Every structure is written in C-alpha cells, then in structure tokens.
Amino acid sequence: MKRVKRECTYHGSVKLDSISCWEAVHPGS
C-alpha cells in the first residue's frame, strides 16, 4: 500500500485514498 500512496503523493493526489489514488495513477486499470 505504501508504494501506491507514494505514487499518489508523487502525483499530488495524496488526498485520495489508496484505491482512488491507484485509479488516478493507473487509469483504465
């Protein structure tokens, strides 16, 4: 989960949840 959260923060989507974050970072997945 930390990996996703890190990517999220890197994309400036730290506010999103781990799942939402993942979707935002990896759309269409």
PDB file of N, CA and C in Angstrom:
ATOM      1  N   MET A   1       0.839  -1.203   0.000  1.00  0.00           N
ATOM      2  CA  MET A   1       0.000   0.000   0.000  1.00  0.00           C
ATOM      3  C   MET A   1       0.876   1.257   0.000  1.00  0.00           C
ATOM      4  N   LYS A   2       2.006   1.159   0.669  1.00  0.00           N
ATOM      5  CA  LYS A   2       2.894   2.331   0.738  1.00  0.00           C
ATOM      6  C   LYS A   2       3.346   2.747  -0.659  1.00  0.00           C
ATOM      7  N   ARG A   3       3.576   1.771  -1.524  1.00  0.00           N
ATOM      8  CA  ARG A   3       4.006   2.095  -2.884  1.00  0.00           C
ATOM      9  C   ARG A   3       2.967   2.952  -3.591  1.00  0.00           C
ATOM     10  N   VAL A   4       1.700   2.529  -3.470  1.00  0.00           N
ATOM     11  CA  VAL A   4       0.613   3.272  -4.109  1.00  0.00           C
ATOM     12  C   VAL A   4       0.527   4.666  -3.514  1.00  0.00           C
ATOM     13  N   LYS A   5       0.604   4.730  -2.199  1.00  0.00           N
ATOM     14  CA  LYS A   5       0.491   6.014  -1.515  1.00  0.00           C
ATOM     15  C   LYS A   5       1.632   6.928  -1.960  1.00  0.00           C
ATOM     16  N   ARG A   6       2.819   6.366  -2.107  1.00  0.00           N
ATOM     17  CA  ARG A   6       3.967   7.165  -2.527  1.00  0.00           C
ATOM     18  C   ARG A   6       3.721   7.717  -3.928  1.00  0.00           C
ATOM     19  N   GLU A   7       3.253   6.848  -4.831  1.00  0.00           N
ATOM     20  CA  GLU A   7       2.965   7.306  -6.199  1.00  0.00           C
ATOM     21  C   GLU A   7       1.915   8.402  -6.163  1.00  0.00           C
ATOM     22  N   CYS A   8       0.946   8.210  -5.282  1.00  0.00           N
ATOM     23  CA  CYS A   8      -0.131   9.176  -5.128  1.00  0.00           C
ATOM     24  C   CYS A   8       0.446  10.533  -4.752  1.00  0.00           C
ATOM     25  N   THR A   9       1.300  10.517  -3.738  1.00  0.00           N
ATOM     26  CA  THR A   9       1.898  11.763  -3.270  1.00  0.00           C
ATOM     27  C   THR A   9       2.723  12.374  -4.395  1.00  0.00           C
ATOM     28  N   TYR A  10       3.412  11.516  -5.138  1.00  0.00           N
ATOM     29  CA  TYR A  10       4.261  11.994  -6.228  1.00  0.00           C
ATOM     30  C   TYR A  10       3.425  12.674  -7.300  1.00  0.00           C
ATOM     31  N   HIS A  11       2.197  12.162  -7.487  1.00  0.00           N
ATOM     32  CA  HIS A  11       1.303  12.742  -8.482  1.00  0.00           C
ATOM     33  C   HIS A  11       0.466  13.865  -7.887  1.00  0.00           C
ATOM     34  N   GLY A  12       0.700  14.151  -6.615  1.00  0.00           N
ATOM     35  CA  GLY A  12      -0.055  15.230  -5.975  1.00  0.00           C
ATOM     36  C   GLY A  12      -1.476  14.817  -5.649  1.00  0.00           C
ATOM     37  N   SER A  13      -1.697  13.499  -5.524  1.00  0.00           N
ATOM     38  CA  SER A  13      -3.046  13.033  -5.196  1.00  0.00           C
ATOM     39  C   SER A  13      -3.049  12.395  -3.813  1.00  0.00           C
ATOM     40  N   VAL A  14      -2.202  12.901  -2.938  1.00  0.00           N
ATOM     41  CA  VAL A  14      -2.095  12.331  -1.588  1.00  0.00           C
ATOM     42  C   VAL A  14      -3.425  12.376  -0.861  1.00  0.00           C
ATOM     43  N   LYS A  15      -4.295  13.298  -1.255  1.00  0.00           N
ATOM     44  CA  LYS A  15      -5.593  13.434  -0.592  1.00  0.00           C
ATOM     45  C   LYS A  15      -6.500  12.241  -0.895  1.00  0.00           C
ATOM     46  N   LEU A  16      -6.291  11.614  -2.047  1.00  0.00           N
ATOM     47  CA  LEU A  16      -7.130  10.471  -2.412  1.00  0.00           C
ATOM     48  C   LEU A  16      -6.783   9.238  -1.591  1.00  0.00           C
ATOM     49  N   ASP A  17      -7.703   8.271  -1.582  1.00  0.00           N
ATOM     50  CA  ASP A  17      -7.470   7.031  -0.837  1.00  0.00           C
ATOM     51  C   ASP A  17      -6.479   6.169  -1.614  1.00  0.00           C
ATOM     52  N   SER A  18      -6.046   5.094  -1.014  1.00  0.00           N
ATOM     53  CA  SER A  18      -5.104   4.200  -1.678  1.00  0.00           C
ATOM     54  C   SER A  18      -5.699   3.696  -2.988  1.00  0.00           C
ATOM     55  N   ILE A  19      -6.973   3.282  -2.936  1.00  0.00           N
ATOM     56  CA  ILE A  19      -7.642   2.766  -4.132  1.00  0.00           C
ATOM     57  C   ILE A  19      -7.856   3.894  -5.141  1.00  0.00           C
ATOM     58  N   SER A  20      -8.466   4.976  -4.690  1.00  0.00           N
ATOM     59  CA  SER A  20      -8.728   6.119  -5.571  1.00  0.00           C
ATOM     60  C   SER A  20      -7.412   6.609  -6.151  1.00  0.00           C
ATOM     61  N   CYS A  21      -6.420   6.621  -5.299  1.00  0.00           N
ATOM     62  CA  CYS A  21      -5.102   7.055  -5.717  1.00  0.00           C
ATOM     63  C   CYS A  21      -4.614   6.163  -6.838  1.00  0.00           C
ATOM     64  N   TRP A  22      -4.719   4.866  -6.621  1.00  0.00           N
ATOM     65  CA  TRP A  22      -4.243   3.900  -7.616  1.00  0.00           C
ATOM     66  C   TRP A  22      -4.966   4.137  -8.944  1.00  0.00           C
ATOM     67  N   GLU A  23      -6.269   4.358  -8.872  1.00  0.00           N
ATOM     68  CA  GLU A  23      -7.052   4.585 -10.090  1.00  0.00           C
ATOM     69  C   GLU A  23      -6.592   5.866 -10.776  1.00  0.00           C
ATOM     70  N   ALA A  24      -6.284   6.876  -9.969  1.00  0.00           N
ATOM     71  CA  ALA A  24      -5.844   8.150 -10.530  1.00  0.00           C
ATOM     72  C   ALA A  24      -4.471   8.001 -11.169  1.00  0.00           C
ATOM     73  N   VAL A  25      -3.631   7.185 -10.527  1.00  0.00           N
ATOM     74  CA  VAL A  25      -2.274   6.986 -11.047  1.00  0.00           C
ATOM     75  C   VAL A  25      -2.276   5.989 -12.201  1.00  0.00           C
ATOM     76  N   HIS A  26      -3.161   5.000 -12.118  1.00  0.00           N
ATOM     77  CA  HIS A  26      -3.234   3.972 -13.167  1.00  0.00           C
ATOM     78  C   HIS A  26      -4.649   3.891 -13.731  1.00  0.00           C
ATOM     79  N   PRO A  27      -5.090   4.919 -14.444  1.00  0.00           N
ATOM     80  CA  PRO A  27      -6.438   4.945 -15.014  1.00  0.00           C
ATOM     81  C   PRO A  27      -6.653   3.819 -16.027  1.00  0.00           C
ATOM     82  N   GLY A  28      -7.866   3.334 -16.117  1.00  0.00           N
ATOM     83  CA  GLY A  28      -8.169   2.270 -17.062  1.00  0.00           C
ATOM     84  C   GLY A  28      -7.702   0.918 -16.558  1.00  0.00           C
ATOM     85  N   SER A  29      -7.354   0.822 -15.280  1.00  0.00           N
ATOM     86  CA  SER A  29      -6.902  -0.458 -14.730  1.00  0.00           C
ATOM     87  C   SER A  29      -8.015  -1.051 -13.881  1.00  0.00           C
TER      88      SER A  29
END
